[in-house]
Amino acid sequence: MNPQTEIIDGLTQTAASISPKYFYDAAGSALFEQITRLPAYYPTRVERQIMTMHGADIAQRIGTGGTVIEPGAGNCEKARALCELVRPERFVALDISEDFLHQAVAGLRAALPGVRVSAVVADLTHAFVLPGDVPMPRRLVFYPGSSIGNFDPLHALALLTRLRALLDTDGALLIGVDMVKDEAALNAAYDDDQGVTAAFNRNVLNHVNRLIGSNFDTAQWKHRAFFNATASRIEMHLEACADIRVQWTGGERHFVRGERIHTENSYKYRADDFVALLRRAGLTQTQVWTNPANWFAMMLARP
């Protein structure tokens, strides 16, 4: 499904939605980098703490050499730290934001001159193909940052199965997983008092305007984020501040005041539940490292 069709289909459902992958134009990618540095946004900080505490053990279990593949590579900062630990021969960065990806990869090449670095523009919600010259043996898929939480459990299983298919019997997946925790901490992480997450959420409308020719006005929409305990997920929405008529090429929709567009879920797991999900994807051998408060986990899973 092409982006225009997918977006319009989401906007015309009874409960309107926009896929979170459309957050990541150049402006959205830059805003997300700001979010990761906010005091309330714990995942990046806690994940870094785990890698500092347990990085030597993780690296020893992975071994040196081989190929590191990072889906959703972003700015490649986490990859740089991992590559300094495991010293791969090859690194492949995958991301949906093409301009941001190539900029990040250029920086990684400069920082790691001994590593052959490749960039692949890829949408993780669909099948993707690696360059044909990427060796099959000794692959490590590195998926940090709890991005797996953006997928509902069924689609998370499908993605994990696709990642498993990238691996031979000697390969592994190193993945970041956000844990269930106090609701106040969760809500603060996705609704910061500086308004950066709100700007990130509203920016998706600017991206959608360019993709489908719509006339969303970001000033007419407010950011909403909250923890849905029943579904074990943070939900992000955009709420209409007034009755709004939005038009795009070939169509339109009327939103009444208070009506929402669902833009993101971020599922939170218990360790045992996620290990079970990995097993269903064919990754049956798992080691788990957490921070002392058990807010976040890094999991190394093998076929």
Protein backbone atom coordinates (compact mmCIF):
# COMPACT_ATOMS: atom_id res chain seq x y z
CA MET A 1 0.00 0.00 0.00
CA ASN A 2 1.45 3.38 -0.98
CA PRO A 3 1.66 6.16 1.66
CA GLN A 4 -1.20 8.21 0.21
CA THR A 5 -3.59 5.27 0.23
CA GLU A 6 -2.52 4.14 3.68
CA ILE A 7 -2.89 7.60 5.23
CA ILE A 8 -6.27 8.34 3.65
CA ASP A 9 -7.53 4.90 4.67
CA GLY A 10 -6.53 5.64 8.27
CA LEU A 11 -8.11 9.09 8.28
CA THR A 12 -11.43 7.81 6.92
CA GLN A 13 -11.90 5.00 9.43
CA THR A 14 -14.59 5.54 12.09
CA ALA A 15 -11.78 6.03 14.62
CA ALA A 16 -9.22 8.02 12.62
CA SER A 17 -5.56 7.08 12.84
CA ILE A 18 -2.17 7.88 11.34
CA SER A 19 0.64 5.32 11.47
CA PRO A 20 3.51 6.43 13.74
CA LYS A 21 5.99 5.77 10.95
CA TYR A 22 4.85 9.10 9.46
CA PHE A 23 6.30 10.93 12.46
CA TYR A 24 9.73 10.56 10.91
CA ASP A 25 10.25 13.19 8.27
CA ALA A 26 13.41 15.27 8.80
CA ALA A 27 11.69 17.60 11.30
CA GLY A 28 10.08 14.71 13.19
CA SER A 29 13.36 12.82 13.42
CA ALA A 30 15.07 15.91 14.83
CA LEU A 31 12.25 16.43 17.35
CA PHE A 32 12.52 12.82 18.47
CA GLU A 33 16.23 13.32 19.12
CA GLN A 34 15.24 16.22 21.41
CA ILE A 35 12.74 13.96 23.19
CA THR A 36 15.44 11.40 23.98
CA ARG A 37 17.37 14.08 25.87
CA LEU A 38 14.45 15.23 28.04
CA PRO A 39 14.72 14.47 31.79
CA ALA A 40 11.28 12.81 31.85
CA TYR A 41 12.00 10.55 28.89
CA TYR A 42 13.67 7.67 30.71
CA PRO A 43 14.04 4.95 27.98
CA THR A 44 17.20 6.35 26.37
CA ARG A 45 18.85 7.18 29.68
CA VAL A 46 18.00 3.84 31.33
CA GLU A 47 18.99 1.84 28.26
CA ARG A 48 22.35 3.61 28.29
CA GLN A 49 22.68 2.74 31.99
CA ILE A 50 22.12 -0.94 31.21
CA MET A 51 24.71 -0.88 28.42
CA THR A 52 27.20 0.82 30.75
CA MET A 53 26.60 -1.69 33.54
CA HIS A 54 26.40 -4.82 31.39
CA GLY A 55 28.01 -3.89 28.08
CA ALA A 56 31.11 -6.03 28.64
CA ASP A 57 28.98 -9.10 29.40
CA ILE A 58 26.72 -8.44 26.42
CA ALA A 59 29.72 -7.97 24.12
CA GLN A 60 31.35 -11.16 25.38
CA ARG A 61 28.21 -13.15 24.58
CA ILE A 62 27.96 -11.57 21.11
CA GLY A 63 31.64 -11.83 20.20
CA THR A 64 33.60 -9.58 17.87
CA GLY A 65 33.47 -9.27 14.08
CA GLY A 66 30.50 -10.18 11.93
CA THR A 67 27.75 -7.81 10.81
CA VAL A 68 25.52 -5.52 12.87
CA ILE A 69 22.12 -4.64 11.34
CA GLU A 70 20.09 -1.87 12.98
CA PRO A 71 16.43 -1.42 12.00
CA GLY A 72 15.18 2.09 12.81
CA ALA A 73 18.76 3.33 13.13
CA GLY A 74 17.91 7.00 13.75
CA ASN A 75 21.04 9.01 14.51
CA CYS A 76 23.20 5.85 14.86
CA GLU A 77 24.54 7.00 18.26
CA LYS A 78 23.58 3.72 19.96
CA ALA A 79 25.08 1.77 17.08
CA ARG A 80 28.34 3.64 17.44
CA ALA A 81 28.58 2.66 21.12
CA LEU A 82 27.74 -0.98 20.34
CA CYS A 83 30.20 -1.13 17.45
CA GLU A 84 32.97 0.11 19.73
CA LEU A 85 32.21 -2.89 21.97
CA VAL A 86 31.83 -5.67 19.38
CA ARG A 87 33.99 -4.25 16.53
CA PRO A 88 31.97 -5.59 13.57
CA GLU A 89 33.32 -5.78 10.05
CA ARG A 90 30.06 -4.48 8.59
CA PHE A 91 27.21 -2.26 9.76
CA VAL A 92 23.86 -1.88 7.96
CA ALA A 93 21.53 0.97 9.04
CA LEU A 94 17.84 0.82 8.11
CA ASP A 95 15.46 3.74 8.58
CA ILE A 96 12.36 5.22 6.95
CA SER A 97 13.66 8.84 7.01
CA GLU A 98 16.03 8.92 4.04
CA ASP A 99 17.73 12.30 4.51
CA PHE A 100 18.19 11.78 8.25
CA LEU A 101 19.53 8.26 7.65
CA HIS A 102 22.20 9.30 5.17
CA GLN A 103 23.32 12.15 7.43
CA ALA A 104 23.63 9.75 10.38
CA VAL A 105 25.49 7.13 8.35
CA ALA A 106 27.99 9.73 7.15
CA GLY A 107 28.77 10.56 10.77
CA LEU A 108 29.15 6.88 11.64
CA ARG A 109 31.55 6.30 8.77
CA ALA A 110 33.74 9.13 10.05
CA ALA A 111 33.63 7.78 13.62
CA LEU A 112 34.29 4.13 12.66
CA PRO A 113 36.65 4.19 9.66
CA GLY A 114 37.42 0.48 9.99
CA VAL A 115 33.78 -0.60 9.57
CA ARG A 116 32.05 -0.90 6.20
CA VAL A 117 28.78 1.03 6.64
CA SER A 118 25.68 0.75 4.43
CA ALA A 119 22.36 2.63 4.49
CA VAL A 120 19.03 1.08 3.49
CA VAL A 121 15.81 3.11 3.35
CA ALA A 122 13.21 0.71 4.74
CA ASP A 123 9.69 0.67 6.18
CA LEU A 124 9.71 -1.87 9.01
CA THR A 125 5.97 -2.40 8.75
CA HIS A 126 6.60 -4.23 5.45
CA ALA A 127 9.13 -6.74 4.16
CA PHE A 128 12.54 -5.21 3.42
CA VAL A 129 15.62 -6.48 1.63
CA LEU A 130 19.26 -6.14 2.69
CA PRO A 131 22.02 -5.51 0.17
CA GLY A 132 22.99 -8.75 -1.54
CA ASP A 133 26.58 -8.57 -0.36
CA VAL A 134 25.75 -8.60 3.37
CA PRO A 135 27.21 -11.88 4.71
CA MET A 136 24.72 -14.28 6.24
CA PRO A 137 26.98 -15.73 8.97
CA ARG A 138 27.39 -13.98 12.34
CA ARG A 139 24.69 -11.34 11.99
CA LEU A 140 23.53 -9.33 14.99
CA VAL A 141 20.24 -7.47 14.59
CA PHE A 142 20.34 -4.50 16.99
CA TYR A 143 16.91 -3.02 17.76
CA PRO A 144 17.27 -0.69 20.77
CA GLY A 145 15.06 2.02 22.19
CA SER A 146 11.89 -0.04 22.80
CA SER A 147 10.68 0.72 19.25
CA ILE A 148 9.11 -2.75 19.22
CA GLY A 149 6.50 -1.20 21.54
CA ASN A 150 5.05 0.79 18.64
CA PHE A 151 3.64 -2.46 17.25
CA ASP A 152 0.63 -4.21 18.72
CA PRO A 153 1.48 -7.74 19.89
CA LEU A 154 0.34 -9.40 16.65
CA HIS A 155 2.39 -7.04 14.45
CA ALA A 156 5.30 -7.17 16.91
CA LEU A 157 5.35 -10.94 16.45
CA ALA A 158 5.32 -10.50 12.66
CA LEU A 159 8.25 -8.06 12.83
CA LEU A 160 10.23 -10.28 15.20
CA THR A 161 9.64 -13.18 12.80
CA ARG A 162 10.99 -11.08 9.91
CA LEU A 163 14.03 -10.15 12.00
CA ARG A 164 14.55 -13.82 12.87
CA ALA A 165 14.55 -14.59 9.14
CA LEU A 166 17.61 -12.33 8.73
CA LEU A 167 19.63 -14.64 11.00
CA ASP A 168 21.46 -17.89 10.46
CA THR A 169 21.83 -20.34 13.35
CA ASP A 170 24.82 -18.35 14.66
CA GLY A 171 23.01 -15.00 14.57
CA ALA A 172 21.32 -13.06 17.37
CA LEU A 173 18.91 -10.22 18.13
CA LEU A 174 19.76 -7.58 20.76
CA ILE A 175 16.56 -5.69 21.53
CA GLY A 176 15.45 -2.97 23.96
CA VAL A 177 12.12 -3.55 25.71
CA ASP A 178 10.27 -1.08 27.94
CA MET A 179 8.80 -2.58 31.10
CA VAL A 180 5.49 -1.95 32.87
CA LYS A 181 6.02 0.60 35.65
CA ASP A 182 4.40 3.42 37.63
CA GLU A 183 1.79 5.23 35.52
CA ALA A 184 3.00 8.67 36.58
CA ALA A 185 6.48 7.96 35.17
CA LEU A 186 4.98 6.63 31.95
CA ASN A 187 2.63 9.57 31.44
CA ALA A 188 5.38 12.12 32.14
CA ALA A 189 7.67 10.51 29.57
CA TYR A 190 5.11 10.98 26.80
CA ASP A 191 3.73 14.39 27.79
CA ASP A 192 6.73 16.50 28.82
CA ASP A 193 6.25 19.94 30.34
CA GLN A 194 8.48 21.53 27.68
CA GLY A 195 6.05 20.59 24.92
CA VAL A 196 8.59 18.74 22.76
CA THR A 197 6.51 15.57 22.54
CA ALA A 198 3.45 17.68 21.67
CA ALA A 199 5.40 19.33 18.84
CA PHE A 200 6.57 15.91 17.66
CA ASN A 201 3.01 14.59 17.66
CA ARG A 202 1.55 17.59 15.82
CA ASN A 203 4.37 17.58 13.26
CA VAL A 204 2.95 14.38 11.78
CA LEU A 205 0.19 16.56 10.32
CA ASN A 206 2.75 18.66 8.43
CA HIS A 207 4.22 15.47 6.97
CA VAL A 208 0.76 14.19 6.05
CA ASN A 209 -0.04 17.52 4.35
CA ARG A 210 2.95 17.05 2.04
CA LEU A 211 2.15 13.41 1.33
CA ILE A 212 -1.59 13.65 0.53
CA GLY A 213 -2.10 17.37 -0.18
CA SER A 214 -4.23 17.92 2.93
CA ASN A 215 -4.77 21.18 4.81
CA PHE A 216 -4.28 20.21 8.45
CA ASP A 217 -3.45 23.21 10.67
CA THR A 218 -1.34 22.03 13.61
CA ALA A 219 -2.59 24.91 15.76
CA GLN A 220 -6.08 23.36 15.69
CA TRP A 221 -4.94 20.12 17.35
CA LYS A 222 -3.78 19.36 20.89
CA HIS A 223 -1.51 16.56 22.06
CA ARG A 224 -3.01 13.85 24.26
CA ALA A 225 -1.00 11.01 25.84
CA PHE A 226 -2.00 8.56 28.58
CA PHE A 227 -1.38 5.04 29.82
CA ASN A 228 -4.07 2.51 28.92
CA ALA A 229 -3.61 -0.04 31.70
CA THR A 230 -6.00 -2.58 30.18
CA ALA A 231 -3.97 -2.76 26.96
CA SER A 232 -0.63 -2.13 28.76
CA ARG A 233 0.29 0.70 26.43
CA ILE A 234 0.82 4.42 26.23
CA GLU A 235 -1.50 5.95 23.65
CA MET A 236 -0.85 9.21 21.80
CA HIS A 237 -3.63 11.09 20.05
CA LEU A 238 -4.27 14.44 18.41
CA GLU A 239 -7.51 16.04 19.58
CA ALA A 240 -9.47 18.58 17.57
CA CYS A 241 -9.75 21.93 19.39
CA ALA A 242 -12.86 22.90 17.40
CA ASP A 243 -15.10 21.55 14.64
CA ILE A 244 -12.67 21.16 11.72
CA ARG A 245 -13.05 20.35 8.05
CA VAL A 246 -9.91 18.75 6.62
CA GLN A 247 -9.57 18.36 2.86
CA TRP A 248 -7.11 16.43 0.73
CA THR A 249 -6.83 15.58 -2.93
CA GLY A 250 -10.02 13.70 -3.75
CA GLY A 251 -11.57 13.71 -0.28
CA GLU A 252 -12.28 15.32 3.07
CA ARG A 253 -13.36 14.63 6.64
CA HIS A 254 -15.21 16.66 9.23
CA PHE A 255 -13.86 16.34 12.77
CA VAL A 256 -16.00 17.53 15.67
CA ARG A 257 -14.42 19.27 18.65
CA GLY A 258 -12.84 16.67 20.94
CA GLU A 259 -12.57 14.01 18.23
CA ARG A 260 -9.19 12.33 18.11
CA ILE A 261 -6.72 10.93 15.63
CA HIS A 262 -4.80 8.00 17.13
CA THR A 263 -1.12 8.45 16.23
CA GLU A 264 0.88 6.01 18.35
CA ASN A 265 0.86 3.14 20.80
CA SER A 266 3.85 2.24 22.95
CA TYR A 267 3.34 -1.17 24.55
CA LYS A 268 4.97 -1.93 27.90
CA TYR A 269 5.89 -5.52 28.73
CA ARG A 270 6.73 -7.78 31.61
CA ALA A 271 9.99 -9.62 30.92
CA ASP A 272 8.47 -13.10 30.89
CA ASP A 273 5.76 -12.03 28.45
CA PHE A 274 8.27 -10.61 25.98
CA VAL A 275 10.55 -13.65 26.26
CA ALA A 276 7.49 -15.75 25.36
CA LEU A 277 6.89 -13.51 22.31
CA LEU A 278 10.50 -14.01 21.22
CA ARG A 279 10.06 -17.78 21.49
CA ARG A 280 7.00 -17.61 19.24
CA ALA A 281 9.16 -15.80 16.66
CA GLY A 282 11.71 -18.61 16.72
CA LEU A 283 14.19 -16.95 19.10
CA THR A 284 14.31 -19.49 21.88
CA GLN A 285 17.55 -18.73 23.75
CA THR A 286 17.37 -15.45 25.66
CA GLN A 287 19.49 -13.53 28.18
CA VAL A 288 17.96 -10.51 29.92
CA TRP A 289 19.66 -7.50 31.53
CA THR A 290 17.73 -4.76 33.37
CA ASN A 291 18.49 -1.63 35.33
CA PRO A 292 18.16 -1.91 39.15
CA ALA A 293 14.60 -0.56 39.13
CA ASN A 294 13.53 -2.99 36.35
CA TRP A 295 12.23 -0.12 34.22
CA PHE A 296 13.82 -1.35 31.01
CA ALA A 297 15.44 -4.49 29.62
CA MET A 298 18.00 -5.39 26.98
CA MET A 299 17.44 -8.91 25.68
CA LEU A 300 19.84 -11.02 23.63
CA ALA A 301 17.87 -13.70 21.78
CA ARG A 302 19.12 -16.46 19.51
CA PRO A 303 17.48 -19.08 17.29
